[in-house]
């Protein structure tokens, strides 16, 4: 679906936001500062991805962007859940095999 280009944040707005985050980092513990920095980096990467797609003639409307931003964390959490369960099952089997070999050796 090709639509008009959505408005992008100006450089001044982005600079002001980054300055605000930098000021917040100076007065917060390390984990909060790291989270703030991560948020800035993620926003930057997201903006680059959107610009890259627009360069290829692909535009999404704000409703589609909002839906995608809500969907990504759900998909990520699902992947982590599936991966964690698979890893746990593997480790349980490995421990069970180890226990069997320990019994056999003695």
PDB file of N, CA and C in Angstrom:
ATOM      1  N   UNK A   1       0.846  -1.161   0.000  1.00  0.00           N
ATOM      2  CA  UNK A   1       0.000   0.000   0.000  1.00  0.00           C
ATOM      3  C   UNK A   1       0.899   1.234   0.000  1.00  0.00           C
ATOM      4  N   UNK A   2       0.721   2.119  -0.957  1.00  0.00           N
ATOM      5  CA  UNK A   2       1.518   3.327  -1.075  1.00  0.00           C
ATOM      6  C   UNK A   2       0.650   4.505  -0.680  1.00  0.00           C
ATOM      7  N   UNK A   3       1.162   5.307   0.262  1.00  0.00           N
ATOM      8  CA  UNK A   3       0.424   6.458   0.754  1.00  0.00           C
ATOM      9  C   UNK A   3       1.357   7.650   0.808  1.00  0.00           C
ATOM     10  N   UNK A   4       0.794   8.789   1.176  1.00  0.00           N
ATOM     11  CA  UNK A   4       1.613   9.978   1.325  1.00  0.00           C
ATOM     12  C   UNK A   4       2.613   9.766   2.443  1.00  0.00           C
ATOM     13  N   UNK A   5       3.743  10.481   2.331  1.00  0.00           N
ATOM     14  CA  UNK A   5       4.764  10.367   3.358  1.00  0.00           C
ATOM     15  C   UNK A   5       4.240  10.919   4.673  1.00  0.00           C
ATOM     16  N   UNK A   6       4.378  10.148   5.765  1.00  0.00           N
ATOM     17  CA  UNK A   6       3.988  10.675   7.065  1.00  0.00           C
ATOM     18  C   UNK A   6       5.009  11.704   7.539  1.00  0.00           C
ATOM     19  N   UNK A   7       4.574  12.586   8.421  1.00  0.00           N
ATOM     20  CA  UNK A   7       5.480  13.589   8.951  1.00  0.00           C
ATOM     21  C   UNK A   7       6.524  12.925   9.823  1.00  0.00           C
ATOM     22  N   UNK A   8       7.767  13.371   9.681  1.00  0.00           N
ATOM     23  CA  UNK A   8       8.850  12.867  10.501  1.00  0.00           C
ATOM     24  C   UNK A   8       9.225  13.929  11.524  1.00  0.00           C
ATOM     25  N   UNK A   9       9.791  13.492  12.636  1.00  0.00           N
ATOM     26  CA  UNK A   9      10.253  14.426  13.647  1.00  0.00           C
ATOM     27  C   UNK A   9      11.427  15.215  13.075  1.00  0.00           C
ATOM     28  N   UNK A  10      11.460  16.499  13.374  1.00  0.00           N
ATOM     29  CA  UNK A  10      12.559  17.329  12.874  1.00  0.00           C
ATOM     30  C   UNK A  10      13.831  17.029  13.656  1.00  0.00           C
ATOM     31  N   UNK A  11      14.952  17.438  13.082  1.00  0.00           N
ATOM     32  CA  UNK A  11      16.236  17.237  13.759  1.00  0.00           C
ATOM     33  C   UNK A  11      16.266  17.962  15.100  1.00  0.00           C
ATOM     34  N   UNK A  12      15.641  19.153  15.143  1.00  0.00           N
ATOM     35  CA  UNK A  12      15.615  19.910  16.398  1.00  0.00           C
ATOM     36  C   UNK A  12      14.816  19.165  17.468  1.00  0.00           C
ATOM     37  N   UNK A  13      13.696  18.545  17.068  1.00  0.00           N
ATOM     38  CA  UNK A  13      12.891  17.784  18.025  1.00  0.00           C
ATOM     39  C   UNK A  13      13.666  16.584  18.538  1.00  0.00           C
ATOM     40  N   UNK A  14      14.356  15.876  17.634  1.00  0.00           N
ATOM     41  CA  UNK A  14      15.144  14.717  18.049  1.00  0.00           C
ATOM     42  C   UNK A  14      16.298  15.130  18.955  1.00  0.00           C
ATOM     43  N   UNK A  15      16.959  16.239  18.625  1.00  0.00           N
ATOM     44  CA  UNK A  15      18.066  16.725  19.447  1.00  0.00           C
ATOM     45  C   UNK A  15      17.572  17.109  20.833  1.00  0.00           C
ATOM     46  N   UNK A  16      16.411  17.766  20.898  1.00  0.00           N
ATOM     47  CA  UNK A  16      15.849  18.155  22.190  1.00  0.00           C
ATOM     48  C   UNK A  16      15.503  16.920  23.020  1.00  0.00           C
ATOM     49  N   UNK A  17      14.960  15.909  22.365  1.00  0.00           N
ATOM     50  CA  UNK A  17      14.618  14.668  23.066  1.00  0.00           C
ATOM     51  C   UNK A  17      15.882  13.982  23.589  1.00  0.00           C
ATOM     52  N   UNK A  18      16.918  13.924  22.768  1.00  0.00           N
ATOM     53  CA  UNK A  18      18.178  13.302  23.186  1.00  0.00           C
ATOM     54  C   UNK A  18      18.818  14.075  24.331  1.00  0.00           C
ATOM     55  N   UNK A  19      18.734  15.409  24.308  1.00  0.00           N
ATOM     56  CA  UNK A  19      19.275  16.216  25.404  1.00  0.00           C
ATOM     57  C   UNK A  19      18.516  15.946  26.692  1.00  0.00           C
ATOM     58  N   UNK A  20      17.196  15.811  26.576  1.00  0.00           N
ATOM     59  CA  UNK A  20      16.382  15.505  27.748  1.00  0.00           C
ATOM     60  C   UNK A  20      16.734  14.159  28.339  1.00  0.00           C
ATOM     61  N   UNK A  21      16.960  13.195  27.478  1.00  0.00           N
ATOM     62  CA  UNK A  21      17.337  11.858  27.950  1.00  0.00           C
ATOM     63  C   UNK A  21      18.725  11.895  28.574  1.00  0.00           C
ATOM     64  N   UNK A  22      19.644  12.622  27.958  1.00  0.00           N
ATOM     65  CA  UNK A  22      20.996  12.727  28.507  1.00  0.00           C
ATOM     66  C   UNK A  22      20.965  13.380  29.885  1.00  0.00           C
ATOM     67  N   UNK A  23      20.122  14.398  30.048  1.00  0.00           N
ATOM     68  CA  UNK A  23      19.994  15.054  31.351  1.00  0.00           C
ATOM     69  C   UNK A  23      19.400  14.099  32.380  1.00  0.00           C
ATOM     70  N   UNK A  24      18.444  13.303  31.959  1.00  0.00           N
ATOM     71  CA  UNK A  24      17.839  12.327  32.865  1.00  0.00           C
ATOM     72  C   UNK A  24      18.852  11.268  33.264  1.00  0.00           C
ATOM     73  N   UNK A  25      19.723  10.888  32.336  1.00  0.00           N
ATOM     74  CA  UNK A  25      20.745   9.871  32.624  1.00  0.00           C
ATOM     75  C   UNK A  25      21.694  10.343  33.717  1.00  0.00           C
ATOM     76  N   UNK A  26      21.979  11.627  33.739  1.00  0.00           N
ATOM     77  CA  UNK A  26      22.934  12.152  34.705  1.00  0.00           C
ATOM     78  C   UNK A  26      22.426  12.025  36.136  1.00  0.00           C
ATOM     79  N   UNK A  27      21.105  11.936  36.312  1.00  0.00           N
ATOM     80  CA  UNK A  27      20.548  11.905  37.666  1.00  0.00           C
ATOM     81  C   UNK A  27      19.898  10.567  38.019  1.00  0.00           C
ATOM     82  N   UNK A  28      20.113   9.526  37.210  1.00  0.00           N
ATOM     83  CA  UNK A  28      19.490   8.237  37.484  1.00  0.00           C
ATOM     84  C   UNK A  28      20.540   7.154  37.644  1.00  0.00           C
ATOM     85  N   UNK A  29      20.161   6.042  38.301  1.00  0.00           N
ATOM     86  CA  UNK A  29      21.103   4.925  38.419  1.00  0.00           C
ATOM     87  C   UNK A  29      21.459   4.342  37.054  1.00  0.00           C
ATOM     88  N   UNK A  30      22.490   3.516  37.016  1.00  0.00           N
ATOM     89  CA  UNK A  30      22.994   2.955  35.765  1.00  0.00           C
ATOM     90  C   UNK A  30      21.935   2.236  34.949  1.00  0.00           C
ATOM     91  N   UNK A  31      21.109   1.421  35.576  1.00  0.00           N
ATOM     92  CA  UNK A  31      20.124   0.654  34.811  1.00  0.00           C
ATOM     93  C   UNK A  31      19.105   1.580  34.154  1.00  0.00           C
ATOM     94  N   UNK A  32      18.703   2.615  34.841  1.00  0.00           N
ATOM     95  CA  UNK A  32      17.752   3.558  34.251  1.00  0.00           C
ATOM     96  C   UNK A  32      18.405   4.317  33.102  1.00  0.00           C
ATOM     97  N   UNK A  33      19.668   4.673  33.266  1.00  0.00           N
ATOM     98  CA  UNK A  33      20.388   5.378  32.190  1.00  0.00           C
ATOM     99  C   UNK A  33      20.540   4.472  30.985  1.00  0.00           C
ATOM    100  N   UNK A  34      20.830   3.213  31.238  1.00  0.00           N
ATOM    101  CA  UNK A  34      20.973   2.254  30.142  1.00  0.00           C
ATOM    102  C   UNK A  34      19.639   2.074  29.418  1.00  0.00           C
ATOM    103  N   UNK A  35      18.555   2.000  30.175  1.00  0.00           N
ATOM    104  CA  UNK A  35      17.232   1.873  29.558  1.00  0.00           C
ATOM    105  C   UNK A  35      16.907   3.091  28.701  1.00  0.00           C
ATOM    106  N   UNK A  36      17.250   4.274  29.196  1.00  0.00           N
ATOM    107  CA  UNK A  36      17.003   5.500  28.438  1.00  0.00           C
ATOM    108  C   UNK A  36      17.832   5.513  27.158  1.00  0.00           C
ATOM    109  N   UNK A  37      19.086   5.108  27.264  1.00  0.00           N
ATOM    110  CA  UNK A  37      19.949   5.051  26.075  1.00  0.00           C
ATOM    111  C   UNK A  37      19.407   4.033  25.079  1.00  0.00           C
ATOM    112  N   UNK A  38      18.969   2.886  25.589  1.00  0.00           N
ATOM    113  CA  UNK A  38      18.397   1.866  24.707  1.00  0.00           C
ATOM    114  C   UNK A  38      17.180   2.410  23.962  1.00  0.00           C
ATOM    115  N   UNK A  39      16.355   3.176  24.668  1.00  0.00           N
ATOM    116  CA  UNK A  39      15.160   3.749  24.035  1.00  0.00           C
ATOM    117  C   UNK A  39      15.549   4.682  22.894  1.00  0.00           C
ATOM    118  N   UNK A  40      16.588   5.485  23.098  1.00  0.00           N
ATOM    119  CA  UNK A  40      17.053   6.402  22.046  1.00  0.00           C
ATOM    120  C   UNK A  40      17.569   5.606  20.848  1.00  0.00           C
ATOM    121  N   UNK A  41      18.357   4.578  21.124  1.00  0.00           N
ATOM    122  CA  UNK A  41      18.923   3.762  20.046  1.00  0.00           C
ATOM    123  C   UNK A  41      17.812   3.068  19.265  1.00  0.00           C
ATOM    124  N   UNK A  42      16.844   2.519  19.978  1.00  0.00           N
ATOM    125  CA  UNK A  42      15.725   1.819  19.318  1.00  0.00           C
ATOM    126  C   UNK A  42      14.940   2.785  18.448  1.00  0.00           C
ATOM    127  N   UNK A  43      14.671   3.986  18.956  1.00  0.00           N
ATOM    128  CA  UNK A  43      13.945   4.973  18.157  1.00  0.00           C
ATOM    129  C   UNK A  43      14.728   5.323  16.893  1.00  0.00           C
ATOM    130  N   UNK A  44      16.031   5.456  17.039  1.00  0.00           N
ATOM    131  CA  UNK A  44      16.863   5.787  15.885  1.00  0.00           C
ATOM    132  C   UNK A  44      16.853   4.685  14.840  1.00  0.00           C
ATOM    133  N   UNK A  45      16.973   3.449  15.299  1.00  0.00           N
ATOM    134  CA  UNK A  45      16.952   2.322  14.361  1.00  0.00           C
ATOM    135  C   UNK A  45      15.593   2.211  13.689  1.00  0.00           C
ATOM    136  N   UNK A  46      14.528   2.417  14.454  1.00  0.00           N
ATOM    137  CA  UNK A  46      13.178   2.369  13.884  1.00  0.00           C
ATOM    138  C   UNK A  46      13.018   3.453  12.824  1.00  0.00           C
ATOM    139  N   UNK A  47      13.514   4.661  13.109  1.00  0.00           N
ATOM    140  CA  UNK A  47      13.419   5.757  12.136  1.00  0.00           C
ATOM    141  C   UNK A  47      14.208   5.429  10.875  1.00  0.00           C
ATOM    142  N   UNK A  48      15.389   4.822  11.043  1.00  0.00           N
ATOM    143  CA  UNK A  48      16.195   4.441   9.881  1.00  0.00           C
ATOM    144  C   UNK A  48      15.470   3.387   9.041  1.00  0.00           C
ATOM    145  N   UNK A  49      14.844   2.432   9.706  1.00  0.00           N
ATOM    146  CA  UNK A  49      14.121   1.384   8.982  1.00  0.00           C
ATOM    147  C   UNK A  49      12.953   1.975   8.204  1.00  0.00           C
ATOM    148  N   UNK A  50      12.233   2.885   8.824  1.00  0.00           N
ATOM    149  CA  UNK A  50      11.095   3.524   8.149  1.00  0.00           C
ATOM    150  C   UNK A  50      11.587   4.320   6.942  1.00  0.00           C
ATOM    151  N   UNK A  51      12.673   5.072   7.119  1.00  0.00           N
ATOM    152  CA  UNK A  51      13.231   5.852   5.999  1.00  0.00           C
ATOM    153  C   UNK A  51      13.698   4.934   4.875  1.00  0.00           C
ATOM    154  N   UNK A  52      14.327   3.824   5.240  1.00  0.00           N
ATOM    155  CA  UNK A  52      14.802   2.875   4.234  1.00  0.00           C
ATOM    156  C   UNK A  52      13.631   2.326   3.422  1.00  0.00           C
ATOM    157  N   UNK A  53      12.558   1.981   4.090  1.00  0.00           N
ATOM    158  CA  UNK A  53      11.385   1.461   3.378  1.00  0.00           C
ATOM    159  C   UNK A  53      10.747   2.561   2.518  1.00  0.00           C
ATOM    160  N   UNK A  54      10.721   3.788   3.026  1.00  0.00           N
ATOM    161  CA  UNK A  54      10.157   4.887   2.239  1.00  0.00           C
ATOM    162  C   UNK A  54      10.997   5.144   0.993  1.00  0.00           C
ATOM    163  N   UNK A  55      12.319   4.988   1.105  1.00  0.00           N
ATOM    164  CA  UNK A  55      13.197   5.133  -0.059  1.00  0.00           C
ATOM    165  C   UNK A  55      12.855   4.117  -1.135  1.00  0.00           C
ATOM    166  N   UNK A  56      12.285   2.989  -0.716  1.00  0.00           N
ATOM    167  CA  UNK A  56      11.889   1.939  -1.658  1.00  0.00           C
ATOM    168  C   UNK A  56      10.423   2.087  -2.086  1.00  0.00           C
ATOM    169  N   UNK A  57       9.796   3.192  -1.654  1.00  0.00           N
ATOM    170  CA  UNK A  57       8.417   3.470  -2.070  1.00  0.00           C
ATOM    171  C   UNK A  57       7.355   2.811  -1.208  1.00  0.00           C
ATOM    172  N   UNK A  58       7.735   2.346  -0.023  1.00  0.00           N
ATOM    173  CA  UNK A  58       6.777   1.685   0.863  1.00  0.00           C
ATOM    174  C   UNK A  58       6.499   2.601   2.046  1.00  0.00           C
ATOM    175  N   UNK A  59       5.252   2.951   2.197  1.00  0.00           N
ATOM    176  CA  UNK A  59       4.829   3.829   3.282  1.00  0.00           C
ATOM    177  C   UNK A  59       3.744   3.134   4.086  1.00  0.00           C
ATOM    178  N   UNK A  60       3.774   3.335   5.395  1.00  0.00           N
ATOM    179  CA  UNK A  60       2.692   2.815   6.228  1.00  0.00           C
ATOM    180  C   UNK A  60       2.014   3.989   6.903  1.00  0.00           C
ATOM    181  N   UNK A  61       0.729   3.835   7.109  1.00  0.00           N
ATOM    182  CA  UNK A  61       0.016   4.917   7.777  1.00  0.00           C
ATOM    183  C   UNK A  61       0.201   4.780   9.289  1.00  0.00           C
ATOM    184  N   UNK A  62      -0.135   5.815  10.043  1.00  0.00           N
ATOM    185  CA  UNK A  62       0.077   5.778  11.496  1.00  0.00           C
ATOM    186  C   UNK A  62      -0.637   4.615  12.189  1.00  0.00           C
ATOM    187  N   UNK A  63      -1.797   4.222  11.690  1.00  0.00           N
ATOM    188  CA  UNK A  63      -2.521   3.104  12.307  1.00  0.00           C
ATOM    189  C   UNK A  63      -1.753   1.792  12.121  1.00  0.00           C
ATOM    190  N   UNK A  64      -1.180   1.605  10.943  1.00  0.00           N
ATOM    191  CA  UNK A  64      -0.382   0.395  10.693  1.00  0.00           C
ATOM    192  C   UNK A  64       0.878   0.391  11.557  1.00  0.00           C
ATOM    193  N   UNK A  65       1.506   1.554  11.682  1.00  0.00           N
ATOM    194  CA  UNK A  65       2.708   1.651  12.511  1.00  0.00           C
ATOM    195  C   UNK A  65       2.375   1.341  13.970  1.00  0.00           C
ATOM    196  N   UNK A  66       1.271   1.881  14.432  1.00  0.00           N
ATOM    197  CA  UNK A  66       0.840   1.635  15.820  1.00  0.00           C
ATOM    198  C   UNK A  66       0.575   0.148  16.047  1.00  0.00           C
ATOM    199  N   UNK A  67      -0.087  -0.503  15.088  1.00  0.00           N
ATOM    200  CA  UNK A  67      -0.367  -1.925  15.205  1.00  0.00           C
ATOM    201  C   UNK A  67       0.939  -2.721  15.229  1.00  0.00           C
ATOM    202  N   UNK A  68       1.868  -2.378  14.359  1.00  0.00           N
ATOM    203  CA  UNK A  68       3.144  -3.090  14.299  1.00  0.00           C
ATOM    204  C   UNK A  68       3.926  -2.918  15.598  1.00  0.00           C
ATOM    205  N   UNK A  69       3.921  -1.728  16.141  1.00  0.00           N
ATOM    206  CA  UNK A  69       4.652  -1.483  17.378  1.00  0.00           C
ATOM    207  C   UNK A  69       4.049  -2.254  18.553  1.00  0.00           C
ATOM    208  N   UNK A  70       2.750  -2.525  18.509  1.00  0.00           N
ATOM    209  CA  UNK A  70       2.122  -3.355  19.538  1.00  0.00           C
ATOM    210  C   UNK A  70       2.380  -4.835  19.288  1.00  0.00           C
ATOM    211  N   UNK A  71       2.518  -5.215  18.025  1.00  0.00           N
ATOM    212  CA  UNK A  71       2.694  -6.623  17.669  1.00  0.00           C
ATOM    213  C   UNK A  71       4.107  -7.125  17.953  1.00  0.00           C
ATOM    214  N   UNK A  72       5.121  -6.319  17.688  1.00  0.00           N
ATOM    215  CA  UNK A  72       6.515  -6.759  17.841  1.00  0.00           C
ATOM    216  C   UNK A  72       6.829  -7.301  19.235  1.00  0.00           C
ATOM    217  N   UNK A  73       6.459  -6.604  20.314  1.00  0.00           N
ATOM    218  CA  UNK A  73       6.766  -7.165  21.640  1.00  0.00           C
ATOM    219  C   UNK A  73       6.056  -8.498  21.893  1.00  0.00           C
ATOM    220  N   UNK A  74       4.844  -8.662  21.370  1.00  0.00           N
ATOM    221  CA  UNK A  74       4.121  -9.920  21.552  1.00  0.00           C
ATOM    222  C   UNK A  74       4.842 -11.062  20.846  1.00  0.00           C
ATOM    223  N   UNK A  75       5.283 -10.816  19.632  1.00  0.00           N
ATOM    224  CA  UNK A  75       6.004 -11.841  18.873  1.00  0.00           C
ATOM    225  C   UNK A  75       7.324 -12.156  19.568  1.00  0.00           C
ATOM    226  N   UNK A  76       8.005 -11.134  20.040  1.00  0.00           N
ATOM    227  CA  UNK A  76       9.267 -11.336  20.747  1.00  0.00           C
ATOM    228  C   UNK A  76       9.058 -12.169  22.007  1.00  0.00           C
ATOM    229  N   UNK A  77       8.049 -11.834  22.786  1.00  0.00           N
ATOM    230  CA  UNK A  77       7.762 -12.593  24.007  1.00  0.00           C
ATOM    231  C   UNK A  77       7.403 -14.039  23.688  1.00  0.00           C
ATOM    232  N   UNK A  78       6.642 -14.246  22.617  1.00  0.00           N
ATOM    233  CA  UNK A  78       6.282 -15.608  22.213  1.00  0.00           C
ATOM    234  C   UNK A  78       7.536 -16.396  21.852  1.00  0.00           C
ATOM    235  N   UNK A  79       8.437 -15.780  21.097  1.00  0.00           N
ATOM    236  CA  UNK A  79       9.677 -16.449  20.716  1.00  0.00           C
ATOM    237  C   UNK A  79      10.493 -16.823  21.948  1.00  0.00           C
ATOM    238  N   UNK A  80      10.625 -15.883  22.883  1.00  0.00           N
ATOM    239  CA  UNK A  80      11.390 -16.143  24.104  1.00  0.00           C
ATOM    240  C   UNK A  80      10.752 -17.283  24.886  1.00  0.00           C
ATOM    241  N   UNK A  81       9.428 -17.273  24.972  1.00  0.00           N
ATOM    242  CA  UNK A  81       8.713 -18.328  25.702  1.00  0.00           C
ATOM    243  C   UNK A  81       8.953 -19.696  25.054  1.00  0.00           C
ATOM    244  N   UNK A  82       8.813 -19.750  23.738  1.00  0.00           N
ATOM    245  CA  UNK A  82       9.025 -21.022  23.024  1.00  0.00           C
ATOM    246  C   UNK A  82      10.465 -21.471  23.179  1.00  0.00           C
ATOM    247  N   UNK A  83      11.402 -20.572  23.004  1.00  0.00           N
ATOM    248  CA  UNK A  83      12.820 -20.916  23.111  1.00  0.00           C
ATOM    249  C   UNK A  83      13.149 -21.379  24.526  1.00  0.00           C
ATOM    250  N   UNK A  84      12.630 -20.669  25.532  1.00  0.00           N
ATOM    251  CA  UNK A  84      12.900 -21.035  26.925  1.00  0.00           C
ATOM    252  C   UNK A  84      12.353 -22.415  27.234  1.00  0.00           C
ATOM    253  N   UNK A  85      11.127 -22.696  26.783  1.00  0.00           N
ATOM    254  CA  UNK A  85      10.539 -24.008  27.029  1.00  0.00           C
ATOM    255  C   UNK A  85      11.359 -25.104  26.356  1.00  0.00           C
ATOM    256  N   UNK A  86      11.778 -24.862  25.128  1.00  0.00           N
ATOM    257  CA  UNK A  86      12.577 -25.846  24.406  1.00  0.00           C
ATOM    258  C   UNK A  86      13.904 -26.080  25.124  1.00  0.00           C
ATOM    259  N   UNK A  87      14.534 -25.001  25.559  1.00  0.00           N
ATOM    260  CA  UNK A  87      15.807 -25.106  26.268  1.00  0.00           C
ATOM    261  C   UNK A  87      15.621 -25.852  27.586  1.00  0.00           C
ATOM    262  N   UNK A  88      14.547 -25.543  28.309  1.00  0.00           N
ATOM    263  CA  UNK A  88      14.290 -26.236  29.572  1.00  0.00           C
ATOM    264  C   UNK A  88      14.076 -27.728  29.355  1.00  0.00           C
ATOM    265  N   UNK A  89      13.331 -28.089  28.326  1.00  0.00           N
ATOM    266  CA  UNK A  89      13.107 -29.508  28.030  1.00  0.00           C
ATOM    267  C   UNK A  89      14.430 -30.196  27.694  1.00  0.00           C
ATOM    268  N   UNK A  90      15.260 -29.536  26.922  1.00  0.00           N
ATOM    269  CA  UNK A  90      16.565 -30.096  26.578  1.00  0.00           C
ATOM    270  C   UNK A  90      17.411 -30.314  27.835  1.00  0.00           C
ATOM    271  N   UNK A  91      17.454 -29.311  28.704  1.00  0.00           N
ATOM    272  CA  UNK A  91      18.257 -29.429  29.923  1.00  0.00           C
ATOM    273  C   UNK A  91      17.718 -30.522  30.843  1.00  0.00           C
ATOM    274  N   UNK A  92      16.382 -30.645  30.943  1.00  0.00           N
ATOM    275  CA  UNK A  92      15.795 -31.708  31.762  1.00  0.00           C
ATOM    276  C   UNK A  92      16.189 -33.078  31.226  1.00  0.00           C
ATOM    277  N   UNK A  93      16.151 -33.251  29.914  1.00  0.00           N
ATOM    278  CA  UNK A  93      16.549 -34.530  29.319  1.00  0.00           C
ATOM    279  C   UNK A  93      18.034 -34.802  29.563  1.00  0.00           C
ATOM    280  N   UNK A  94      18.840 -33.769  29.423  1.00  0.00           N
ATOM    281  CA  UNK A  94      20.270 -33.918  29.645  1.00  0.00           C
ATOM    282  C   UNK A  94      20.557 -34.328  31.087  1.00  0.00           C
ATOM    283  N   UNK A  95      19.894 -33.691  32.033  1.00  0.00           N
ATOM    284  CA  UNK A  95      20.085 -34.038  33.442  1.00  0.00           C
ATOM    285  C   UNK A  95      19.602 -35.458  33.729  1.00  0.00           C
ATOM    286  N   UNK A  96      18.485 -35.856  33.116  1.00  0.00           N
ATOM    287  CA  UNK A  96      17.978 -37.218  33.303  1.00  0.00           C
ATOM    288  C   UNK A  96      18.979 -38.233  32.752  1.00  0.00           C
ATOM    289  N   UNK A  97      19.535 -37.970  31.586  1.00  0.00           N
ATOM    290  CA  UNK A  97      20.542 -38.868  31.024  1.00  0.00           C
ATOM    291  C   UNK A  97      21.785 -38.930  31.909  1.00  0.00           C
ATOM    292  N   UNK A  98      22.167 -37.789  32.427  1.00  0.00           N
ATOM    293  CA  UNK A  98      23.323 -37.749  33.316  1.00  0.00           C
ATOM    294  C   UNK A  98      23.055 -38.611  34.557  1.00  0.00           C
ATOM    295  N   UNK A  99      21.862 -38.488  35.118  1.00  0.00           N
ATOM    296  CA  UNK A  99      21.507 -39.279  36.293  1.00  0.00           C
ATOM    297  C   UNK A  99      21.541 -40.772  35.972  1.00  0.00           C
ATOM    298  N   UNK A 100      21.047 -41.164  34.819  1.00  0.00           N
ATOM    299  CA  UNK A 100      21.057 -42.574  34.411  1.00  0.00           C
ATOM    300  C   UNK A 100      22.488 -43.066  34.290  1.00  0.00           C
ATOM    301  N   UNK A 101      23.351 -42.285  33.662  1.00  0.00           N
ATOM    302  CA  UNK A 101      24.747 -42.702  33.504  1.00  0.00           C
ATOM    303  C   UNK A 101      25.464 -42.779  34.844  1.00  0.00           C
ATOM    304  N   UNK A 102      25.102 -41.897  35.766  1.00  0.00           N
ATOM    305  CA  UNK A 102      25.725 -41.926  37.092  1.00  0.00           C
ATOM    306  C   UNK A 102      25.332 -43.205  37.825  1.00  0.00           C
ATOM    307  N   UNK A 103      24.079 -43.652  37.663  1.00  0.00           N
ATOM    308  CA  UNK A 103      23.609 -44.893  38.295  1.00  0.00           C
ATOM    309  C   UNK A 103      24.301 -46.090  37.668  1.00  0.00           C
ATOM    310  N   UNK A 104      24.413 -46.070  36.350  1.00  0.00           N
ATOM    311  CA  UNK A 104      25.025 -47.191  35.638  1.00  0.00           C
ATOM    312  C   UNK A 104      26.507 -47.326  36.021  1.00  0.00           C
ATOM    313  N   UNK A 105      27.205 -46.228  36.174  1.00  0.00           N
ATOM    314  CA  UNK A 105      28.628 -46.259  36.494  1.00  0.00           C
ATOM    315  C   UNK A 105      28.899 -46.807  37.886  1.00  0.00           C
ATOM    316  N   UNK A 106      27.986 -46.615  38.808  1.00  0.00           N
ATOM    317  CA  UNK A 106      28.217 -47.055  40.188  1.00  0.00           C
ATOM    318  C   UNK A 106      27.684 -48.412  40.368  1.00  0.00           C
TER     319      UNK A 106
END
